[in-house]
PDB file of N, CA and C in Angstrom:
ATOM      1  N   MET A   1     112.093  74.180  83.584  1.00  0.00           N
ATOM      2  CA  MET A   1     110.650  74.156  83.663  1.00  0.00           C
ATOM      3  C   MET A   1     110.178  75.303  84.551  1.00  0.00           C
ATOM      4  N   ALA A   2     109.159  75.931  84.169  1.00  0.00           N
ATOM      5  CA  ALA A   2     108.621  77.068  84.898  1.00  0.00           C
ATOM      6  C   ALA A   2     107.440  76.624  85.757  1.00  0.00           C
ATOM      7  N   CYS A   3     107.114  77.450  86.726  1.00  0.00           N
ATOM      8  CA  CYS A   3     105.930  77.147  87.540  1.00  0.00           C
ATOM      9  C   CYS A   3     104.680  77.370  86.694  1.00  0.00           C
ATOM     10  N   LEU A   4     103.553  76.886  87.189  1.00  0.00           N
ATOM     11  CA  LEU A   4     102.318  76.983  86.397  1.00  0.00           C
ATOM     12  C   LEU A   4     101.921  78.433  86.132  1.00  0.00           C
ATOM     13  N   HIS A   5     102.102  79.288  87.130  1.00  0.00           N
ATOM     14  CA  HIS A   5     101.759  80.695  86.933  1.00  0.00           C
ATOM     15  C   HIS A   5     102.638  81.321  85.871  1.00  0.00           C
ATOM     16  N   CYS A   6     103.944  81.083  85.961  1.00  0.00           N
ATOM     17  CA  CYS A   6     104.872  81.678  84.992  1.00  0.00           C
ATOM     18  C   CYS A   6     104.697  81.061  83.612  1.00  0.00           C
ATOM     19  N   ALA A   7     104.390  79.764  83.573  1.00  0.00           N
ATOM     20  CA  ALA A   7     104.157  79.123  82.280  1.00  0.00           C
ATOM     21  C   ALA A   7     102.896  79.679  81.626  1.00  0.00           C
ATOM     22  N   PHE A   8     101.914  80.019  82.454  1.00  0.00           N
ATOM     23  CA  PHE A   8     100.670  80.559  81.924  1.00  0.00           C
ATOM     24  C   PHE A   8     100.880  81.934  81.303  1.00  0.00           C
ATOM     25  N   ILE A   9     101.707  82.755  81.922  1.00  0.00           N
ATOM     26  CA  ILE A   9     101.937  84.091  81.362  1.00  0.00           C
ATOM     27  C   ILE A   9     103.210  84.142  80.518  1.00  0.00           C
ATOM     28  N   ALA A  10     103.822  82.992  80.256  1.00  0.00           N
ATOM     29  CA  ALA A  10     104.970  82.829  79.351  1.00  0.00           C
ATOM     30  C   ALA A  10     106.213  83.582  79.807  1.00  0.00           C
ATOM     31  N   ILE A  11     106.475  83.559  81.104  1.00  0.00           N
ATOM     32  CA  ILE A  11     107.710  84.144  81.618  1.00  0.00           C
ATOM     33  C   ILE A  11     108.557  83.001  82.170  1.00  0.00           C
ATOM     34  N   PRO A  12     109.755  82.807  81.648  1.00  0.00           N
ATOM     35  CA  PRO A  12     110.586  81.713  82.164  1.00  0.00           C
ATOM     36  C   PRO A  12     111.076  82.017  83.582  1.00  0.00           C
ATOM     37  N   LEU A  13     111.117  80.999  84.403  1.00  0.00           N
ATOM     38  CA  LEU A  13     111.562  81.120  85.779  1.00  0.00           C
ATOM     39  C   LEU A  13     112.925  80.467  85.899  1.00  0.00           C
ATOM     40  N   THR A  14     113.940  81.230  86.250  1.00  0.00           N
ATOM     41  CA  THR A  14     115.293  80.696  86.349  1.00  0.00           C
ATOM     42  C   THR A  14     115.491  80.027  87.710  1.00  0.00           C
ATOM     43  N   VAL A  15     116.604  79.355  87.849  1.00  0.00           N
ATOM     44  CA  VAL A  15     116.934  78.676  89.101  1.00  0.00           C
ATOM     45  C   VAL A  15     117.097  79.692  90.227  1.00  0.00           C
ATOM     46  N   LEU A  16     117.694  80.847  89.945  1.00  0.00           N
ATOM     47  CA  LEU A  16     117.857  81.879  90.964  1.00  0.00           C
ATOM     48  C   LEU A  16     116.511  82.391  91.455  1.00  0.00           C
ATOM     49  N   ASP A  17     115.575  82.564  90.562  1.00  0.00           N
ATOM     50  CA  ASP A  17     114.256  83.038  90.956  1.00  0.00           C
ATOM     51  C   ASP A  17     113.563  82.048  91.883  1.00  0.00           C
ATOM     52  N   ARG A  18     113.736  80.755  91.616  1.00  0.00           N
ATOM     53  CA  ARG A  18     113.103  79.732  92.451  1.00  0.00           C
ATOM     54  C   ARG A  18     113.708  79.699  93.851  1.00  0.00           C
ATOM     55  N   THR A  19     115.013  79.905  93.990  1.00  0.00           N
ATOM     56  CA  THR A  19     115.624  79.872  95.319  1.00  0.00           C
ATOM     57  C   THR A  19     115.245  81.114  96.122  1.00  0.00           C
ATOM     58  N   LYS A  20     115.117  82.254  95.477  1.00  0.00           N
ATOM     59  CA  LYS A  20     114.730  83.474  96.182  1.00  0.00           C
ATOM     60  C   LYS A  20     113.280  83.412  96.651  1.00  0.00           C
ATOM     61  N   ALA A  21     112.459  82.668  95.943  1.00  0.00           N
ATOM     62  CA  ALA A  21     111.048  82.582  96.307  1.00  0.00           C
ATOM     63  C   ALA A  21     110.847  81.903  97.652  1.00  0.00           C
ATOM     64  N   PHE A  22     111.793  81.049  98.065  1.00  0.00           N
ATOM     65  CA  PHE A  22     111.636  80.313  99.317  1.00  0.00           C
ATOM     66  C   PHE A  22     112.476  80.863 100.453  1.00  0.00           C
ATOM     67  N   GLU A  23     113.130  81.999 100.254  1.00  0.00           N
ATOM     68  CA  GLU A  23     113.890  82.616 101.342  1.00  0.00           C
ATOM     69  C   GLU A  23     112.916  83.182 102.369  1.00  0.00           C
ATOM     70  N   PRO A  24     113.236  83.045 103.658  1.00  0.00           N
ATOM     71  CA  PRO A  24     112.340  83.621 104.666  1.00  0.00           C
ATOM     72  C   PRO A  24     112.381  85.148 104.612  1.00  0.00           C
ATOM     73  N   LEU A  25     111.286  85.761 104.981  1.00  0.00           N
ATOM     74  CA  LEU A  25     111.239  87.215 105.011  1.00  0.00           C
ATOM     75  C   LEU A  25     112.076  87.713 106.182  1.00  0.00           C
ATOM     76  N   VAL A  26     112.949  88.641 105.927  1.00  0.00           N
ATOM     77  CA  VAL A  26     113.799  89.200 106.963  1.00  0.00           C
ATOM     78  C   VAL A  26     113.254  90.575 107.314  1.00  0.00           C
ATOM     79  N   THR A  27     112.856  90.735 108.541  1.00  0.00           N
ATOM     80  CA  THR A  27     112.366  92.026 108.987  1.00  0.00           C
ATOM     81  C   THR A  27     113.309  92.563 110.056  1.00  0.00           C
ATOM     82  N   THR A  28     113.492  93.837 110.056  1.00  0.00           N
ATOM     83  CA  THR A  28     114.325  94.446 111.084  1.00  0.00           C
ATOM     84  C   THR A  28     113.443  94.802 112.262  1.00  0.00           C
ATOM     85  N   MET A  29     113.927  94.482 113.436  1.00  0.00           N
ATOM     86  CA  MET A  29     113.157  94.755 114.644  1.00  0.00           C
ATOM     87  C   MET A  29     113.616  96.075 115.228  1.00  0.00           C
ATOM     88  N   ALA A  30     112.676  96.765 115.825  1.00  0.00           N
ATOM     89  CA  ALA A  30     112.982  98.051 116.442  1.00  0.00           C
ATOM     90  C   ALA A  30     113.833  97.838 117.687  1.00  0.00           C
ATOM     91  N   LYS A  31     114.659  98.811 117.982  1.00  0.00           N
ATOM     92  CA  LYS A  31     115.485  98.779 119.186  1.00  0.00           C
ATOM     93  C   LYS A  31     114.849  99.677 120.239  1.00  0.00           C
ATOM     94  N   CYS A  32     114.882  99.233 121.460  1.00  0.00           N
ATOM     95  CA  CYS A  32     114.344 100.008 122.573  1.00  0.00           C
ATOM     96  C   CYS A  32     115.242 101.223 122.794  1.00  0.00           C
ATOM     97  N   PRO A  33     114.673 102.427 122.902  1.00  0.00           N
ATOM     98  CA  PRO A  33     115.492 103.620 123.103  1.00  0.00           C
ATOM     99  C   PRO A  33     116.240 103.644 124.437  1.00  0.00           C
ATOM    100  N   LYS A  34     115.746 102.922 125.435  1.00  0.00           N
ATOM    101  CA  LYS A  34     116.389 102.953 126.746  1.00  0.00           C
ATOM    102  C   LYS A  34     117.519 101.940 126.856  1.00  0.00           C
ATOM    103  N   CYS A  35     117.244 100.654 126.538  1.00  0.00           N
ATOM    104  CA  CYS A  35     118.260  99.614 126.739  1.00  0.00           C
ATOM    105  C   CYS A  35     118.995  99.247 125.457  1.00  0.00           C
ATOM    106  N   GLY A  36     118.447  99.604 124.296  1.00  0.00           N
ATOM    107  CA  GLY A  36     119.122  99.336 123.028  1.00  0.00           C
ATOM    108  C   GLY A  36     118.935  97.923 122.505  1.00  0.00           C
ATOM    109  N   LYS A  37     118.160  97.089 123.196  1.00  0.00           N
ATOM    110  CA  LYS A  37     117.928  95.721 122.742  1.00  0.00           C
ATOM    111  C   LYS A  37     116.716  95.685 121.822  1.00  0.00           C
ATOM    112  N   GLU A  38     116.595  94.575 121.053  1.00  0.00           N
ATOM    113  CA  GLU A  38     115.474  94.434 120.136  1.00  0.00           C
ATOM    114  C   GLU A  38     114.168  94.289 120.910  1.00  0.00           C
ATOM    115  N   VAL A  39     113.126  94.894 120.369  1.00  0.00           N
ATOM    116  CA  VAL A  39     111.807  94.838 120.985  1.00  0.00           C
ATOM    117  C   VAL A  39     110.956  93.864 120.182  1.00  0.00           C
ATOM    118  N   TYR A  40     110.574  92.755 120.797  1.00  0.00           N
ATOM    119  CA  TYR A  40     109.722  91.772 120.134  1.00  0.00           C
ATOM    120  C   TYR A  40     108.268  92.240 120.164  1.00  0.00           C
ATOM    121  N   PHE A  41     107.494  91.734 119.230  1.00  0.00           N
ATOM    122  CA  PHE A  41     106.123  92.191 119.065  1.00  0.00           C
ATOM    123  C   PHE A  41     105.296  92.004 120.336  1.00  0.00           C
ATOM    124  N   ALA A  42     105.468  90.885 121.024  1.00  0.00           N
ATOM    125  CA  ALA A  42     104.649  90.585 122.196  1.00  0.00           C
ATOM    126  C   ALA A  42     104.938  91.505 123.379  1.00  0.00           C
ATOM    127  N   GLU A  43     106.128  92.082 123.441  1.00  0.00           N
ATOM    128  CA  GLU A  43     106.483  92.937 124.572  1.00  0.00           C
ATOM    129  C   GLU A  43     106.559  94.412 124.204  1.00  0.00           C
ATOM    130  N   ARG A  44     106.093  94.763 123.030  1.00  0.00           N
ATOM    131  CA  ARG A  44     106.228  96.120 122.509  1.00  0.00           C
ATOM    132  C   ARG A  44     105.173  97.065 123.063  1.00  0.00           C
ATOM    133  N   LYS A  45     105.614  98.258 123.456  1.00  0.00           N
ATOM    134  CA  LYS A  45     104.729  99.367 123.800  1.00  0.00           C
ATOM    135  C   LYS A  45     105.170 100.550 122.950  1.00  0.00           C
ATOM    136  N   THR A  46     104.278 101.047 122.119  1.00  0.00           N
ATOM    137  CA  THR A  46     104.612 102.180 121.265  1.00  0.00           C
ATOM    138  C   THR A  46     104.198 103.451 121.987  1.00  0.00           C
ATOM    139  N   HIS A  47     105.176 104.314 122.224  1.00  0.00           N
ATOM    140  CA  HIS A  47     104.946 105.559 122.951  1.00  0.00           C
ATOM    141  C   HIS A  47     105.621 106.692 122.198  1.00  0.00           C
ATOM    142  N   LEU A  48     104.827 107.640 121.727  1.00  0.00           N
ATOM    143  CA  LEU A  48     105.309 108.810 120.991  1.00  0.00           C
ATOM    144  C   LEU A  48     106.195 108.431 119.804  1.00  0.00           C
ATOM    145  N   GLY A  49     105.765 107.408 119.059  1.00  0.00           N
ATOM    146  CA  GLY A  49     106.438 107.028 117.828  1.00  0.00           C
ATOM    147  C   GLY A  49     107.630 106.112 117.989  1.00  0.00           C
ATOM    148  N   LYS A  50     107.908 105.626 119.176  1.00  0.00           N
ATOM    149  CA  LYS A  50     109.033 104.715 119.411  1.00  0.00           C
ATOM    150  C   LYS A  50     108.520 103.453 120.077  1.00  0.00           C
ATOM    151  N   ASP A  51     109.195 102.325 119.801  1.00  0.00           N
ATOM    152  CA  ASP A  51     108.832 101.055 120.418  1.00  0.00           C
ATOM    153  C   ASP A  51     109.708 100.810 121.635  1.00  0.00           C
ATOM    154  N   TRP A  52     109.088 100.517 122.765  1.00  0.00           N
ATOM    155  CA  TRP A  52     109.766 100.331 124.037  1.00  0.00           C
ATOM    156  C   TRP A  52     109.432  98.949 124.597  1.00  0.00           C
ATOM    157  N   HIS A  53     110.307  98.415 125.446  1.00  0.00           N
ATOM    158  CA  HIS A  53     109.940  97.277 126.292  1.00  0.00           C
ATOM    159  C   HIS A  53     109.004  97.824 127.362  1.00  0.00           C
ATOM    160  N   SER A  54     108.080  97.016 127.830  1.00  0.00           N
ATOM    161  CA  SER A  54     107.157  97.497 128.855  1.00  0.00           C
ATOM    162  C   SER A  54     107.905  97.828 130.146  1.00  0.00           C
ATOM    163  N   ALA A  55     108.984  97.120 130.443  1.00  0.00           N
ATOM    164  CA  ALA A  55     109.760  97.401 131.657  1.00  0.00           C
ATOM    165  C   ALA A  55     110.627  98.652 131.510  1.00  0.00           C
ATOM    166  N   CYS A  56     110.937  99.051 130.292  1.00  0.00           N
ATOM    167  CA  CYS A  56     111.806 100.212 130.059  1.00  0.00           C
ATOM    168  C   CYS A  56     111.037 101.522 129.959  1.00  0.00           C
ATOM    169  N   LEU A  57     109.737 101.456 129.731  1.00  0.00           N
ATOM    170  CA  LEU A  57     108.947 102.674 129.568  1.00  0.00           C
ATOM    171  C   LEU A  57     108.582 103.231 130.938  1.00  0.00           C
ATOM    172  N   LYS A  58     109.503 104.005 131.500  1.00  0.00           N
ATOM    173  CA  LYS A  58     109.323 104.610 132.822  1.00  0.00           C
ATOM    174  C   LYS A  58     109.667 106.088 132.752  1.00  0.00           C
ATOM    175  N   CYS A  59     109.094 106.855 133.666  1.00  0.00           N
ATOM    176  CA  CYS A  59     109.361 108.281 133.742  1.00  0.00           C
ATOM    177  C   CYS A  59     110.826 108.504 134.108  1.00  0.00           C
ATOM    178  N   SER A  60     111.474 109.416 133.406  1.00  0.00           N
ATOM    179  CA  SER A  60     112.878 109.718 133.691  1.00  0.00           C
ATOM    180  C   SER A  60     113.047 110.532 134.958  1.00  0.00           C
ATOM    181  N   GLY A  61     111.972 111.115 135.450  1.00  0.00           N
ATOM    182  CA  GLY A  61     112.046 111.912 136.669  1.00  0.00           C
ATOM    183  C   GLY A  61     111.805 111.107 137.934  1.00  0.00           C
ATOM    184  N   CYS A  62     110.681 110.383 137.972  1.00  0.00           N
ATOM    185  CA  CYS A  62     110.293 109.677 139.204  1.00  0.00           C
ATOM    186  C   CYS A  62     110.326 108.161 139.064  1.00  0.00           C
ATOM    187  N   ASN A  63     110.653 107.644 137.885  1.00  0.00           N
ATOM    188  CA  ASN A  63     110.773 106.209 137.616  1.00  0.00           C
ATOM    189  C   ASN A  63     109.418 105.479 137.681  1.00  0.00           C
ATOM    190  N   LYS A  64     108.328 106.208 137.511  1.00  0.00           N
ATOM    191  CA  LYS A  64     106.992 105.624 137.500  1.00  0.00           C
ATOM    192  C   LYS A  64     106.757 104.933 136.160  1.00  0.00           C
ATOM    193  N   THR A  65     106.167 103.741 136.180  1.00  0.00           N
ATOM    194  CA  THR A  65     105.865 103.023 134.942  1.00  0.00           C
ATOM    195  C   THR A  65     104.767 103.758 134.184  1.00  0.00           C
ATOM    196  N   LEU A  66     105.010 103.988 132.895  1.00  0.00           N
ATOM    197  CA  LEU A  66     104.060 104.724 132.058  1.00  0.00           C
ATOM    198  C   LEU A  66     103.254 103.748 131.216  1.00  0.00           C
ATOM    199  N   SER A  67     102.027 104.083 130.969  1.00  0.00           N
ATOM    200  CA  SER A  67     101.202 103.303 130.053  1.00  0.00           C
ATOM    201  C   SER A  67     101.154 104.026 128.717  1.00  0.00           C
ATOM    202  N   ILE A  68     100.634 103.345 127.718  1.00  0.00           N
ATOM    203  CA  ILE A  68     100.583 103.918 126.369  1.00  0.00           C
ATOM    204  C   ILE A  68      99.695 105.158 126.373  1.00  0.00           C
ATOM    205  N   GLY A  69     100.190 106.235 125.793  1.00  0.00           N
ATOM    206  CA  GLY A  69      99.441 107.480 125.707  1.00  0.00           C
ATOM    207  C   GLY A  69      99.549 108.350 126.932  1.00  0.00           C
ATOM    208  N   GLN A  70     100.245 107.888 127.938  1.00  0.00           N
ATOM    209  CA  GLN A  70     100.391 108.650 129.181  1.00  0.00           C
ATOM    210  C   GLN A  70     101.764 109.306 129.179  1.00  0.00           C
ATOM    211  N   GLY A  71     101.818 110.537 129.573  1.00  0.00           N
ATOM    212  CA  GLY A  71     103.102 111.206 129.697  1.00  0.00           C
ATOM    213  C   GLY A  71     103.481 112.017 128.484  1.00  0.00           C
ATOM    214  N   ALA A  72     104.690 112.537 128.553  1.00  0.00           N
ATOM    215  CA  ALA A  72     105.227 113.387 127.488  1.00  0.00           C
ATOM    216  C   ALA A  72     106.694 113.048 127.298  1.00  0.00           C
ATOM    217  N   GLU A  73     107.311 113.690 126.314  1.00  0.00           N
ATOM    218  CA  GLU A  73     108.713 113.407 125.998  1.00  0.00           C
ATOM    219  C   GLU A  73     109.483 114.714 125.914  1.00  0.00           C
ATOM    220  N   HIS A  74     110.694 114.703 126.431  1.00  0.00           N
ATOM    221  CA  HIS A  74     111.585 115.848 126.323  1.00  0.00           C
ATOM    222  C   HIS A  74     112.979 115.331 126.023  1.00  0.00           C
ATOM    223  N   GLU A  75     113.541 115.745 124.884  1.00  0.00           N
ATOM    224  CA  GLU A  75     114.862 115.320 124.421  1.00  0.00           C
ATOM    225  C   GLU A  75     114.998 113.803 124.403  1.00  0.00           C
ATOM    226  N   GLY A  76     113.943 113.114 123.934  1.00  0.00           N
ATOM    227  CA  GLY A  76     113.980 111.672 123.776  1.00  0.00           C
ATOM    228  C   GLY A  76     113.709 110.875 125.034  1.00  0.00           C
ATOM    229  N   GLN A  77     113.500 111.534 126.156  1.00  0.00           N
ATOM    230  CA  GLN A  77     113.245 110.848 127.422  1.00  0.00           C
ATOM    231  C   GLN A  77     111.767 110.964 127.794  1.00  0.00           C
ATOM    232  N   PRO A  78     111.141 109.855 128.231  1.00  0.00           N
ATOM    233  CA  PRO A  78     109.733 109.919 128.630  1.00  0.00           C
ATOM    234  C   PRO A  78     109.574 110.467 130.047  1.00  0.00           C
ATOM    235  N   TYR A  79     108.510 111.210 130.262  1.00  0.00           N
ATOM    236  CA  TYR A  79     108.187 111.777 131.569  1.00  0.00           C
ATOM    237  C   TYR A  79     106.704 111.611 131.820  1.00  0.00           C
ATOM    238  N   CYS A  80     106.321 111.433 133.096  1.00  0.00           N
ATOM    239  CA  CYS A  80     104.905 111.455 133.444  1.00  0.00           C
ATOM    240  C   CYS A  80     104.455 112.920 133.392  1.00  0.00           C
ATOM    241  N   GLN A  81     103.147 113.130 133.419  1.00  0.00           N
ATOM    242  CA  GLN A  81     102.612 114.494 133.306  1.00  0.00           C
ATOM    243  C   GLN A  81     103.090 115.401 134.437  1.00  0.00           C
ATOM    244  N   GLN A  82     103.160 114.865 135.661  1.00  0.00           N
ATOM    245  CA  GLN A  82     103.555 115.678 136.804  1.00  0.00           C
ATOM    246  C   GLN A  82     105.025 116.109 136.696  1.00  0.00           C
ATOM    247  N   CYS A  83     105.918 115.185 136.363  1.00  0.00           N
ATOM    248  CA  CYS A  83     107.343 115.532 136.244  1.00  0.00           C
ATOM    249  C   CYS A  83     107.594 116.473 135.072  1.00  0.00           C
ATOM    250  N   TYR A  84     106.897 116.226 133.957  1.00  0.00           N
ATOM    251  CA  TYR A  84     107.066 117.089 132.792  1.00  0.00           C
ATOM    252  C   TYR A  84     106.621 118.511 133.108  1.00  0.00           C
ATOM    253  N   ALA A  85     105.465 118.651 133.768  1.00  0.00           N
ATOM    254  CA  ALA A  85     104.960 119.983 134.106  1.00  0.00           C
ATOM    255  C   ALA A  85     105.882 120.661 135.112  1.00  0.00           C
ATOM    256  N   GLY A  86     106.407 119.910 136.054  1.00  0.00           N
ATOM    257  CA  GLY A  86     107.285 120.490 137.064  1.00  0.00           C
ATOM    258  C   GLY A  86     108.638 120.915 136.521  1.00  0.00           C
ATOM    259  N   LYS A  87     109.169 120.184 135.551  1.00  0.00           N
ATOM    260  CA  LYS A  87     110.505 120.498 135.023  1.00  0.00           C
ATOM    261  C   LYS A  87     110.487 121.394 133.796  1.00  0.00           C
ATOM    262  N   PHE A  88     109.505 121.206 132.929  1.00  0.00           N
ATOM    263  CA  PHE A  88     109.529 121.903 131.642  1.00  0.00           C
ATOM    264  C   PHE A  88     108.286 122.739 131.375  1.00  0.00           C
ATOM    265  N   GLY A  89     107.317 122.714 132.285  1.00  0.00           N
ATOM    266  CA  GLY A  89     106.075 123.455 132.077  1.00  0.00           C
ATOM    267  C   GLY A  89     106.257 124.940 132.334  1.00  0.00           C
ATOM    268  N   THR A  90     105.163 125.645 132.183  1.00  0.00           N
ATOM    269  CA  THR A  90     105.203 127.080 132.422  1.00  0.00           C
ATOM    270  C   THR A  90     105.291 127.362 133.913  1.00  0.00           C
ATOM    271  N   GLU A  91     105.843 128.489 134.264  1.00  0.00           N
ATOM    272  CA  GLU A  91     105.996 128.858 135.670  1.00  0.00           C
ATOM    273  C   GLU A  91     104.769 129.635 136.130  1.00  0.00           C
ATOM    274  N   GLY A  92     104.522 129.587 137.410  1.00  0.00           N
ATOM    275  CA  GLY A  92     103.427 130.378 137.960  1.00  0.00           C
ATOM    276  C   GLY A  92     102.434 129.530 138.700  1.00  0.00           C
ATOM    277  N   PHE A  93     101.305 130.139 138.978  1.00  0.00           N
ATOM    278  CA  PHE A  93     100.259 129.521 139.774  1.00  0.00           C
ATOM    279  C   PHE A  93      99.717 128.259 139.104  1.00  0.00           C
ATOM    280  N   ARG A  94      99.701 127.127 139.816  1.00  0.00           N
ATOM    281  CA  ARG A  94      99.181 125.831 139.368  1.00  0.00           C
ATOM    282  C   ARG A  94      99.880 125.323 138.117  1.00  0.00           C
ATOM    283  N   ALA A  95     101.137 125.589 137.958  1.00  0.00           N
ATOM    284  CA  ALA A  95     101.823 125.131 136.757  1.00  0.00           C
ATOM    285  C   ALA A  95     103.030 124.268 137.088  1.00  0.00           C
ATOM    286  N   GLY A  96     103.003 123.580 138.199  1.00  0.00           N
ATOM    287  CA  GLY A  96     104.079 122.645 138.483  1.00  0.00           C
ATOM    288  C   GLY A  96     105.177 123.214 139.341  1.00  0.00           C
ATOM    289  N   GLY A  97     104.973 124.303 140.002  1.00  0.00           N
ATOM    290  CA  GLY A  97     105.996 124.838 140.887  1.00  0.00           C
ATOM    291  C   GLY A  97     106.193 126.323 140.685  1.00  0.00           C
ATOM    292  N   THR A  98     107.069 126.878 141.482  1.00  0.00           N
ATOM    293  CA  THR A  98     107.374 128.299 141.375  1.00  0.00           C
ATOM    294  C   THR A  98     108.701 128.476 140.668  1.00  0.00           C
ATOM    295  N   SER A  99     109.038 129.694 140.380  1.00  0.00           N
ATOM    296  CA  SER A  99     110.300 129.947 139.695  1.00  0.00           C
ATOM    297  C   SER A  99     111.492 129.586 140.575  1.00  0.00           C
ATOM    298  N   GLU A 100     111.310 129.618 141.893  1.00  0.00           N
ATOM    299  CA  GLU A 100     112.406 129.263 142.794  1.00  0.00           C
ATOM    300  C   GLU A 100     112.723 127.780 142.734  1.00  0.00           C
ATOM    301  N   SER A 101     111.705 126.934 142.497  1.00  0.00           N
ATOM    302  CA  SER A 101     111.933 125.481 142.442  1.00  0.00           C
ATOM    303  C   SER A 101     112.657 125.088 141.153  1.00  0.00           C
ATOM    304  N   LYS A 102     112.701 125.964 140.157  1.00  0.00           N
ATOM    305  CA  LYS A 102     113.350 125.639 138.899  1.00  0.00           C
ATOM    306  C   LYS A 102     114.758 126.196 138.788  1.00  0.00           C
ATOM    307  N   LYS A 103     115.221 126.873 139.837  1.00  0.00           N
ATOM    308  CA  LYS A 103     116.578 127.395 139.808  1.00  0.00           C
ATOM    309  C   LYS A 103     117.573 126.258 139.873  1.00  0.00           C
ATOM    310  N   LYS A 104     118.643 126.394 139.140  1.00  0.00           N
ATOM    311  CA  LYS A 104     119.709 125.401 139.179  1.00  0.00           C
ATOM    312  C   LYS A 104     120.857 125.957 139.984  1.00  0.00           C
ATOM    313  N   TYR A 105     121.250 125.216 140.984  1.00  0.00           N
ATOM    314  CA  TYR A 105     122.330 125.691 141.868  1.00  0.00           C
ATOM    315  C   TYR A 105     123.647 125.196 141.392  1.00  0.00           C
TER     316      TYR A 105
END
């Protein structure tokens, strides 16, 4: 016997079709880039196209908690504006430091 909708449009409904109709929807959850655990909807913060836990979304330079839309990203790591400008910004006057502060010893 077919369901009323299928009977109306004359398409037989097999037993397999009926069991698949009641399967729960399986969705894949995003993984946090920092800790690698699943990010649930209630704790999700989307920053630069990735889903993060709110506790994991911190600056890689100074460990300051970032809010959505704040900061920048370099090689997959989030940074606040000050750390990003100081490490990866342009050199010179008012640009996050001098060329001497960027030397690697």
